[in-house]
Protein backbone atom coordinates (compact mmCIF):
# COMPACT_ATOMS: atom_id res chain seq x y z
CA MET A 1 37.29 -88.58 103.27
CA SER A 2 39.32 -85.86 101.50
CA LEU A 3 37.99 -82.32 101.91
CA ASP A 4 37.69 -79.79 99.12
CA LYS A 5 39.32 -76.63 100.49
CA ASN A 6 37.64 -74.58 97.74
CA LEU A 7 34.43 -74.91 99.73
CA LEU A 8 35.78 -72.27 102.10
CA GLN A 9 35.82 -69.73 99.25
CA GLN A 10 32.67 -70.95 97.49
CA PRO A 11 30.41 -72.66 100.04
CA SER A 12 27.86 -75.19 98.86
CA ASN A 13 25.77 -74.63 101.97
CA LYS A 14 22.73 -72.65 100.83
CA LEU A 15 22.51 -70.50 103.95
CA LEU A 16 26.14 -69.40 103.75
CA ALA A 17 25.89 -68.91 99.99
CA ALA A 18 22.81 -66.67 100.45
CA LEU A 19 24.64 -64.22 102.71
CA PRO A 20 25.86 -60.89 101.31
CA ALA A 21 29.58 -61.07 100.52
CA SER A 22 30.50 -58.74 103.38
CA ASP A 23 28.69 -60.90 105.94
CA TYR A 24 30.23 -64.11 104.66
CA GLN A 25 33.71 -62.59 104.65
CA ARG A 26 33.24 -61.65 108.30
CA LEU A 27 32.24 -65.23 109.12
CA ALA A 28 34.86 -66.96 106.96
CA PRO A 29 37.80 -66.69 109.43
CA HIS A 30 35.68 -68.54 112.00
CA LEU A 31 34.63 -71.40 109.69
CA LYS A 32 36.49 -74.69 109.72
CA LEU A 33 35.86 -77.36 107.09
CA VAL A 34 35.40 -80.72 108.84
CA SER A 35 34.59 -84.24 107.73
CA LEU A 36 31.28 -85.90 108.66
CA GLU A 37 31.33 -89.67 109.01
CA VAL A 38 28.54 -92.17 109.74
CA PRO A 39 27.60 -92.74 112.61
CA GLN A 40 29.25 -89.62 114.08
CA ILE A 41 27.29 -87.71 116.71
CA LEU A 42 27.68 -83.92 116.53
CA TYR A 43 25.97 -83.40 119.86
CA GLN A 44 23.92 -85.50 122.28
CA ALA A 45 20.62 -84.58 123.90
CA GLY A 46 21.29 -82.58 127.05
CA GLU A 47 24.89 -81.77 126.13
CA LEU A 48 26.29 -78.28 125.78
CA ILE A 49 26.35 -77.31 122.10
CA ALA A 50 29.91 -76.11 121.58
CA HIS A 51 29.82 -75.89 117.76
CA VAL A 52 27.27 -75.35 115.03
CA TYR A 53 27.52 -76.92 111.57
CA PHE A 54 26.62 -75.75 108.08
CA PRO A 55 26.67 -78.97 106.02
CA GLU A 56 28.29 -78.82 102.57
CA GLN A 57 27.77 -82.46 101.68
CA GLY A 58 26.05 -85.40 103.37
CA ALA A 59 23.11 -85.30 105.77
CA ILE A 60 22.51 -85.05 109.52
CA SER A 61 19.43 -86.42 111.27
CA ILE A 62 17.97 -84.56 114.24
CA VAL A 63 16.76 -87.44 116.40
CA THR A 64 14.54 -87.78 119.46
CA THR A 65 15.30 -90.75 121.72
CA MET A 66 12.87 -92.29 124.21
CA GLU A 67 13.70 -93.85 127.59
CA ASP A 68 13.50 -97.35 126.09
CA GLY A 69 16.08 -96.42 123.43
CA SER A 70 13.62 -96.16 120.54
CA THR A 71 14.24 -93.26 118.18
CA VAL A 72 12.43 -91.17 115.60
CA GLU A 73 13.78 -88.52 113.25
CA ALA A 74 12.41 -85.01 113.86
CA GLY A 75 14.25 -83.43 110.92
CA ILE A 76 17.03 -83.83 108.41
CA VAL A 77 19.68 -81.21 107.61
CA SER A 78 21.96 -81.11 104.60
CA ASN A 79 23.42 -78.23 102.62
CA GLN A 80 20.09 -76.39 102.82
CA GLY A 81 20.51 -75.63 106.52
CA MET A 82 22.31 -75.57 109.82
CA VAL A 83 22.76 -77.89 112.81
CA GLY A 84 22.64 -76.26 116.24
CA ILE A 85 19.56 -74.03 116.05
CA PRO A 86 19.15 -73.70 119.88
CA VAL A 87 22.32 -71.59 119.90
CA ILE A 88 20.57 -68.69 118.14
CA LEU A 89 17.37 -69.11 120.15
CA GLY A 90 18.99 -68.28 123.48
CA ASP A 91 19.88 -71.77 124.71
CA LYS A 92 22.97 -73.97 124.75
CA THR A 93 21.41 -77.43 125.02
CA THR A 94 18.61 -79.39 123.36
CA THR A 95 16.52 -82.53 123.88
CA THR A 96 17.55 -83.95 120.49
CA THR A 97 20.68 -85.64 119.15
CA ALA A 98 22.41 -84.67 115.89
CA LEU A 99 23.54 -87.84 114.10
CA VAL A 100 25.38 -88.08 110.77
CA GLN A 101 23.12 -90.05 108.44
CA VAL A 102 25.16 -89.77 105.22
CA SER A 103 28.89 -88.99 105.25
CA GLY A 104 30.07 -85.67 103.88
CA ALA A 105 31.56 -82.40 105.09
CA ALA A 106 30.46 -79.28 106.94
CA MET A 107 31.59 -75.82 107.94
CA GLN A 108 32.04 -75.88 111.71
CA MET A 109 31.81 -72.70 113.78
CA ASN A 110 32.14 -71.95 117.47
CA ALA A 111 28.65 -71.59 118.91
CA ASP A 112 29.50 -68.39 120.81
CA VAL A 113 30.80 -66.75 117.63
CA LEU A 114 27.59 -67.49 115.73
CA ARG A 115 25.48 -66.28 118.64
CA ALA A 116 27.34 -62.97 118.66
CA GLU A 117 26.95 -62.61 114.89
CA PHE A 118 23.25 -63.41 115.11
CA ASN A 119 22.76 -60.80 117.81
CA ARG A 120 24.25 -58.14 115.54
CA GLY A 121 21.05 -58.35 113.49
CA GLY A 122 21.06 -57.71 109.76
CA ALA A 123 21.16 -60.30 106.99
CA ILE A 124 22.47 -63.18 109.12
CA GLN A 125 19.70 -62.83 111.66
CA THR A 126 16.99 -62.47 109.02
CA LEU A 127 18.20 -65.49 107.05
CA LEU A 128 18.54 -67.77 110.08
CA LEU A 129 15.12 -66.78 111.43
CA SER A 130 13.60 -67.66 108.06
CA TYR A 131 15.32 -71.03 108.29
CA VAL A 132 13.95 -71.54 111.81
CA GLN A 133 10.44 -70.83 110.53
CA ALA A 134 10.94 -73.36 107.72
CA LEU A 135 12.11 -75.96 110.24
CA TYR A 136 9.09 -75.23 112.43
CA SER A 137 6.83 -75.87 109.45
CA GLU A 138 8.64 -79.14 108.75
CA LEU A 139 8.29 -80.29 112.36
CA THR A 140 4.59 -79.44 112.68
CA GLN A 141 3.77 -81.02 109.31
CA GLY A 142 5.76 -84.08 110.35
CA VAL A 143 3.68 -84.52 113.50
CA ALA A 144 0.48 -84.61 111.43
CA CYS A 145 2.09 -86.88 108.83
CA ASN A 146 3.24 -89.44 111.39
CA ARG A 147 -0.24 -89.57 112.91
CA LEU A 148 -2.45 -89.52 109.81
CA HIS A 149 -0.59 -91.07 106.87
CA THR A 150 0.35 -94.63 106.00
CA LEU A 151 3.88 -95.95 106.37
CA GLU A 152 4.15 -96.31 102.59
CA GLU A 153 3.25 -92.62 102.10
CA ARG A 154 5.65 -91.55 104.85
CA LEU A 155 8.49 -93.65 103.43
CA ALA A 156 7.96 -92.15 99.97
CA ARG A 157 8.02 -88.65 101.46
CA TRP A 158 11.15 -89.38 103.47
CA LEU A 159 13.03 -90.85 100.50
CA LEU A 160 12.12 -87.85 98.34
CA THR A 161 13.27 -85.49 101.07
CA VAL A 162 16.61 -87.27 101.47
CA SER A 163 17.06 -87.26 97.69
CA ASP A 164 16.36 -83.52 97.51
CA ARG A 165 18.63 -82.67 100.41
CA LEU A 166 21.49 -84.76 98.99
CA GLU A 167 20.80 -83.62 95.42
CA SER A 168 21.02 -87.24 94.31
CA GLU A 169 18.71 -90.08 93.33
CA ASP A 170 21.13 -92.64 94.84
CA PHE A 171 22.17 -92.78 98.48
CA PRO A 172 23.27 -95.28 101.17
CA LEU A 173 20.59 -96.18 103.75
CA THR A 174 19.99 -99.43 105.61
CA GLN A 175 16.52 -100.71 106.51
CA GLU A 176 17.58 -100.66 110.17
CA PHE A 177 18.38 -96.96 109.92
CA LEU A 178 15.12 -96.29 108.06
CA SER A 179 13.14 -98.03 110.81
CA GLN A 180 14.88 -95.94 113.48
CA MET A 181 14.28 -92.67 111.65
CA LEU A 182 10.63 -93.43 110.90
CA GLY A 183 10.01 -94.79 114.39
CA VAL A 184 8.58 -98.13 113.21
CA ARG A 185 9.59 -101.80 113.27
CA ARG A 186 12.09 -102.94 110.68
CA SER A 187 9.55 -105.44 109.34
CA GLY A 188 7.20 -102.56 108.54
CA VAL A 189 9.91 -100.76 106.57
CA THR A 190 10.67 -103.99 104.71
CA VAL A 191 7.04 -104.34 103.60
CA ALA A 192 6.71 -100.67 102.59
CA ALA A 193 10.04 -100.64 100.73
CA SER A 194 9.11 -103.87 98.93
CA THR A 195 5.84 -102.30 97.77
CA LEU A 196 7.67 -99.29 96.33
CA SER A 197 10.27 -101.57 94.76
CA ARG A 198 7.73 -103.87 93.10
CA ALA A 199 6.01 -100.81 91.66
CA GLY A 200 9.30 -99.79 90.03
CA MET A 201 9.70 -96.59 92.05
CA ILE A 202 12.89 -97.54 93.89
CA SER A 203 15.51 -100.24 94.03
CA TYR A 204 17.13 -101.38 97.25
CA GLN A 205 20.26 -103.52 97.53
CA ARG A 206 22.81 -103.96 100.29
CA GLY A 207 22.04 -100.72 102.08
CA HIS A 208 21.82 -98.64 98.91
CA ILE A 209 18.64 -96.99 97.61
CA SER A 210 18.03 -95.65 94.11
CA ILE A 211 14.96 -93.68 93.06
CA LEU A 212 13.92 -95.06 89.67
CA ASN A 213 10.62 -93.27 89.05
CA ARG A 214 10.44 -89.96 90.86
CA LYS A 215 7.08 -88.97 89.38
CA ASP A 216 5.35 -92.08 90.72
CA LEU A 217 7.13 -91.76 94.07
CA GLU A 218 5.84 -88.19 94.40
CA ALA A 219 2.34 -89.42 93.54
CA THR A 220 2.62 -92.09 96.24
CA SER A 221 3.88 -89.67 98.85
CA CYS A 222 1.40 -87.75 100.99
CA GLU A 223 0.85 -84.02 100.49
CA CYS A 224 3.29 -83.28 103.31
CA TYR A 225 6.23 -83.57 100.90
CA ARG A 226 5.03 -80.70 98.72
CA VAL A 227 3.88 -78.58 101.68
CA ILE A 228 7.29 -78.78 103.37
CA GLN A 229 9.33 -78.29 100.21
CA ASN A 230 7.32 -75.29 99.07
CA GLU A 231 7.54 -73.70 102.49
CA PHE A 232 11.33 -73.98 102.43
CA ALA A 233 11.27 -72.52 98.93
CA ARG A 234 9.01 -69.63 99.96
CA LEU A 235 10.99 -68.70 103.06
CA LEU A 236 14.48 -69.17 101.67
CA GLY A 237 14.14 -67.42 98.36
CA LYS A 238 13.07 -70.00 95.78
CA LYS A 239 9.79 -69.57 93.97
CA PRO A 240 7.39 -72.45 94.76
CA SER A 241 5.65 -74.17 91.88
CA ASN A 242 3.01 -76.85 91.36
CA ARG A 243 5.86 -79.34 91.59
CA ALA A 244 7.80 -79.06 94.84
CA GLU A 245 11.18 -77.40 94.42
CA LYS A 246 14.03 -79.89 94.47
CA PHE A 247 16.99 -79.51 96.79
CA PHE A 248 15.09 -77.88 99.62
């Protein structure tokens, strides 16, 4: 895909955009705009993390893989965040894999450079620690959600989250990919997606999903959607409301 070089001057990534101008200008020479393509792997579980990524467009799934090859998504990162969190937490490897879910672009940075910048303290450290706390909230809420809520509720939450992170009501996703990310059989996803489709909340054709009735989809989703979205909003500078903030 063609890359918009203007993103280097005016980043769409919300973390980079939230930095004071002086901090971003110090980082800018170390940022490289790169393309993200499905099913690209940014790093594998157990591998040394050489680069971190600040997505500008598209989405990356943080995936846990079991010994039998089954997978489940632990988190999703788009232009609201960063891929490569272990780098700022004192480690260079992780037990998860970062997999491009929706094609796009990202600012790539050498992991050692970001670690040095983080250790300087100041705005960069504060902002990234707030993001880590938001991710922690998402992970812990996700554990409860996967254990206590129905597949239909979880699918509604996941589709809303992807929509918010991509800032779009239309996005490419196959049922096979959905089953892998939700950690369930494909037949279960088919039944849940059909229920949402018959109710007029979504449409699904040839690997493409459109949200048709967001209000009803939010009503169908469990409370985890609003909890996670409002926590991102609280920690990263947006004022939460009765309706979960979009785009985080």
